[in-house]
Each structure stands twice: as C-alpha cells, then as structure tokens.
Amino acid sequence: MSLSDRFSAAFKSLGAAVVAISTLLVAGCTVQPLYSSNAGTTIGASVAPDMRSKLASISIAPANSIVGQEVRNRLIFLLGGGAGEPANPVYKLDLGLNYSVSSAVSVDIGDRTDRTGRPSAGMAKATSRFVLRDMNGKPVARGTRTAIASFDRPRQEFANLRAERDALKRAAHELAEQVYLALALKMSQL
C-alpha cells in the first residue's frame, strides 16, 4: 500500500469519525425555548400563549425600601409586559430583599495624610430570597438571587453619593431580571 493510499484511508476514517461524533452531538441537543408549551420540542417551537398570562398573574408584596421599590417596579413591568399589576392575581411574590454597599478597593495616594487609604471603588449588592405563593398561601417556588454593581468613588461627596445610588439602582434592576427569569422557568414547569 502506497503512502498516498494510506493518507486517503486515514482521511476517510477521520472524516467518518467526525461525521459520527457530530451526529451524536446534534442528536443530544434538545434546546427548548423558555416559554415553550411543549416540553419535548426543539428549536423553533411556538411560544405558549398562556405563559404571558401566567407571569402577568403574579402580584408583588409592597416594598419597604427604595431599593426594594426599584426591584418591585421593574418586576411589575417585566411580569405584566408593561400593563401594570394584575387585577385578579393568582400568585403572590414576597421578595425578601437585603442590600448593602461596601468599599471594594482602597488606594494610597501620595504622601498626603488626608487621602491615604481612601476607598476608590465600591460595590452595591442586592440579594432577594423570594417566595412565590398561590393565593391559598402554599409556596410554589422559592429561590435566592444576588446582583452586584460596582462604582467609582470620586473625592466629591455629592458625586460619591450619586454614584452609590446609581449602582444600587443598577443592582436592583439586574436582581429584578434574575428573579423574573427564575419565575419564568418555574412557571414553565407548572
């Protein structure tokens, strides 16, 4: 057997192996849209018409902080598709929200004593331990989600406070989207 025949045979077996592996990988891929009504369908399944109504039937407990109100407002918008709170809710969501702001980095700037060890960056962290209940009070879903937003701490006090507030707002919006996705996943399984 010549060298070119060996290369040809090796190339054919390599090609057959690549085709076989590709076929196995594609056969195992069952990607499903989050809002699909059919659990076994793959890409291209239609969006379930009742999924939007399931999400829109969730009412959210009142918030007791500014950050909690940001999360609540964003969730109301996401769940209702911009339509506001449901008139006849089927589920009630308790957010269980905690938030904090901390210094992330401290730097020494020169030899001036008034700026030594000044924090130059901060982190705003928002955490929700949410519980979704039906109207009888029975828990349907629960989970914990956390969002973190970083920000620069400038030397000006007002700019520092504004940066901190903006970071808390970004963390609240990110947290609301994470809770929304968790609820959508759970509602797709009901």
Protein backbone atom coordinates (compact mmCIF):
# COMPACT_ATOMS: atom_id res chain seq x y z
CA MET A 1 0.00 0.00 0.00
CA SER A 2 1.47 3.33 -1.03
CA LEU A 3 1.79 6.38 1.15
CA SER A 4 -0.98 8.24 -0.71
CA ASP A 5 -3.33 5.28 -0.25
CA ARG A 6 -2.59 5.27 3.48
CA PHE A 7 -3.32 9.02 3.70
CA SER A 8 -6.53 8.52 1.73
CA ALA A 9 -7.68 5.68 4.01
CA ALA A 10 -6.76 7.65 7.16
CA PHE A 11 -8.55 10.75 5.86
CA LYS A 12 -11.69 8.72 5.10
CA SER A 13 -11.72 7.15 8.59
CA LEU A 14 -11.12 10.55 10.20
CA GLY A 15 -13.98 12.02 8.16
CA ALA A 16 -16.29 9.17 9.17
CA ALA A 17 -15.36 9.68 12.84
CA VAL A 18 -16.06 13.43 12.62
CA VAL A 19 -19.45 12.77 11.00
CA ALA A 20 -20.34 10.16 13.65
CA ILE A 21 -19.36 12.44 16.56
CA SER A 22 -21.21 15.41 15.02
CA THR A 23 -24.33 13.28 14.59
CA LEU A 24 -24.21 12.21 18.23
CA LEU A 25 -23.75 15.78 19.43
CA VAL A 26 -26.61 17.12 17.32
CA ALA A 27 -28.89 14.22 18.34
CA GLY A 28 -28.32 15.03 22.03
CA CYS A 29 -29.11 18.71 21.58
CA THR A 30 -32.67 19.44 22.66
CA VAL A 31 -32.65 23.18 23.12
CA GLN A 32 -36.05 24.43 24.21
CA PRO A 33 -37.32 27.99 24.42
CA LEU A 34 -38.15 29.08 27.94
CA TYR A 35 -41.74 29.93 27.04
CA SER A 36 -42.44 26.78 25.04
CA SER A 37 -45.62 24.87 25.77
CA ASN A 38 -44.23 21.52 24.56
CA ALA A 39 -41.51 20.07 26.80
CA GLY A 40 -40.01 17.80 24.15
CA THR A 41 -39.78 20.15 21.21
CA THR A 42 -36.53 21.59 19.93
CA ILE A 43 -35.60 24.93 18.43
CA GLY A 44 -38.43 26.60 16.57
CA ALA A 45 -41.24 25.67 18.96
CA SER A 46 -44.06 28.16 19.24
CA VAL A 47 -44.40 30.45 22.24
CA ALA A 48 -47.10 29.27 24.61
CA PRO A 49 -49.91 31.81 24.70
CA ASP A 50 -50.68 31.07 28.35
CA MET A 51 -47.11 31.74 29.55
CA ARG A 52 -47.52 35.51 29.37
CA SER A 53 -50.81 35.29 31.27
CA LYS A 54 -49.21 33.08 33.95
CA LEU A 55 -46.46 35.62 34.53
CA ALA A 56 -48.91 38.52 34.43
CA SER A 57 -51.00 36.88 37.20
CA ILE A 58 -48.28 37.42 39.84
CA SER A 59 -48.75 40.24 42.34
CA ILE A 60 -45.79 41.52 44.31
CA ALA A 61 -45.84 42.41 48.00
CA PRO A 62 -45.19 46.10 48.83
CA ALA A 63 -41.57 47.14 49.33
CA ASN A 64 -40.16 48.77 52.45
CA SER A 65 -37.07 50.47 50.98
CA ILE A 66 -36.03 52.49 47.95
CA VAL A 67 -34.04 49.57 46.53
CA GLY A 68 -36.95 47.22 47.19
CA GLN A 69 -39.26 49.60 45.33
CA GLU A 70 -36.86 49.66 42.35
CA VAL A 71 -36.87 45.83 42.23
CA ARG A 72 -40.65 45.73 42.64
CA ASN A 73 -41.31 48.32 39.92
CA ARG A 74 -39.02 46.56 37.45
CA LEU A 75 -40.63 43.19 38.20
CA ILE A 76 -44.13 44.61 37.74
CA PHE A 77 -43.06 45.90 34.33
CA LEU A 78 -41.39 42.62 33.33
CA LEU A 79 -44.16 40.32 34.57
CA GLY A 80 -47.03 42.38 33.19
CA GLY A 81 -45.34 43.32 29.94
CA GLY A 82 -45.85 46.98 30.78
CA ALA A 83 -49.52 46.56 31.72
CA GLY A 84 -49.06 47.07 35.46
CA GLU A 85 -50.22 44.88 38.32
CA PRO A 86 -52.84 42.18 37.76
CA ALA A 87 -56.46 42.89 38.65
CA ASN A 88 -57.07 39.27 39.74
CA PRO A 89 -53.74 37.79 40.87
CA VAL A 90 -53.31 34.03 41.08
CA TYR A 91 -49.89 34.15 42.79
CA LYS A 92 -48.21 36.46 45.31
CA LEU A 93 -44.47 37.12 45.36
CA ASP A 94 -42.58 38.05 48.54
CA LEU A 95 -39.15 39.43 47.64
CA GLY A 96 -37.28 39.25 50.98
CA LEU A 97 -34.74 41.87 49.88
CA ASN A 98 -31.43 42.83 51.52
CA TYR A 99 -28.87 45.25 50.16
CA SER A 100 -25.53 46.72 51.16
CA VAL A 101 -22.78 49.00 49.90
CA SER A 102 -19.12 48.29 50.62
CA SER A 103 -15.70 49.56 49.64
CA ALA A 104 -14.01 47.33 47.15
CA VAL A 105 -10.56 48.91 46.76
CA SER A 106 -8.54 51.24 48.95
CA VAL A 107 -5.54 53.01 47.49
CA ASP A 108 -2.79 55.14 49.00
CA ILE A 109 -2.45 58.39 47.08
CA GLY A 110 0.86 60.13 47.59
CA ASP A 111 2.13 61.30 50.93
CA ARG A 112 -0.83 63.48 51.88
CA THR A 113 -2.38 62.19 55.09
CA ASP A 114 -5.91 63.29 54.24
CA ARG A 115 -6.14 60.94 51.24
CA THR A 116 -4.23 57.89 52.45
CA GLY A 117 -6.32 54.73 52.33
CA ARG A 118 -9.27 56.48 50.64
CA PRO A 119 -11.68 53.97 49.04
CA SER A 120 -11.56 54.40 45.28
CA ALA A 121 -14.21 51.86 44.28
CA GLY A 122 -17.32 50.43 45.84
CA MET A 123 -19.80 47.61 45.35
CA ALA A 124 -23.56 47.71 45.71
CA LYS A 125 -25.02 44.28 46.42
CA ALA A 126 -28.71 43.34 46.38
CA THR A 127 -29.98 39.89 47.39
CA SER A 128 -33.50 38.51 47.21
CA ARG A 129 -34.73 35.37 48.96
CA PHE A 130 -38.02 35.26 47.13
CA VAL A 131 -41.05 33.02 47.73
CA LEU A 132 -43.88 32.67 45.22
CA ARG A 133 -47.13 31.52 46.80
CA ASP A 134 -50.54 30.71 45.42
CA MET A 135 -53.45 32.67 46.83
CA ASN A 136 -54.01 29.98 49.49
CA GLY A 137 -50.51 30.69 50.86
CA LYS A 138 -48.92 27.46 49.61
CA PRO A 139 -45.33 28.01 48.36
CA VAL A 140 -45.00 27.29 44.64
CA ALA A 141 -41.41 28.44 44.09
CA ARG A 142 -38.56 29.86 46.11
CA GLY A 143 -35.03 30.86 45.43
CA THR A 144 -32.17 33.24 46.11
CA ARG A 145 -30.66 35.62 43.60
CA THR A 146 -27.88 38.20 44.03
CA ALA A 147 -26.78 41.10 41.86
CA ILE A 148 -23.68 43.23 42.32
CA ALA A 149 -22.84 46.56 40.67
CA SER A 150 -19.52 48.30 41.10
CA PHE A 151 -18.89 52.03 41.03
CA ASP A 152 -16.06 54.55 41.34
CA ARG A 153 -15.83 56.65 44.48
CA PRO A 154 -14.81 60.16 43.45
CA ARG A 155 -13.49 62.68 46.00
CA GLN A 156 -16.53 64.94 45.75
CA GLU A 157 -19.11 63.90 48.33
CA PHE A 158 -22.21 64.54 46.19
CA ALA A 159 -20.71 62.69 43.21
CA ASN A 160 -19.83 59.82 45.54
CA LEU A 161 -23.41 59.59 46.86
CA ARG A 162 -24.84 59.81 43.34
CA ALA A 163 -22.52 57.03 42.10
CA GLU A 164 -23.57 54.85 45.04
CA ARG A 165 -27.28 55.46 44.34
CA ASP A 166 -26.85 54.70 40.63
CA ALA A 167 -25.03 51.46 41.47
CA LEU A 168 -27.85 50.41 43.82
CA LYS A 169 -30.36 51.11 41.06
CA ARG A 170 -28.36 49.02 38.56
CA ALA A 171 -28.09 46.18 41.08
CA ALA A 172 -31.86 46.38 41.72
CA HIS A 173 -32.68 46.19 38.01
CA GLU A 174 -30.31 43.26 37.50
CA LEU A 175 -31.79 41.49 40.51
CA ALA A 176 -35.32 42.00 39.17
CA GLU A 177 -34.34 40.44 35.85
CA GLN A 178 -32.75 37.46 37.59
CA VAL A 179 -35.88 36.90 39.72
CA TYR A 180 -38.04 37.28 36.60
CA LEU A 181 -36.08 34.57 34.78
CA ALA A 182 -36.28 32.26 37.79
CA LEU A 183 -40.06 32.79 37.98
CA ALA A 184 -40.47 32.25 34.24
CA LEU A 185 -38.55 28.99 34.47
CA LYS A 186 -40.70 27.79 37.37
CA MET A 187 -43.95 28.87 35.68
CA SER A 188 -42.96 26.99 32.52
CA GLN A 189 -42.82 23.80 34.63
CA LEU A 190 -46.29 24.25 36.18
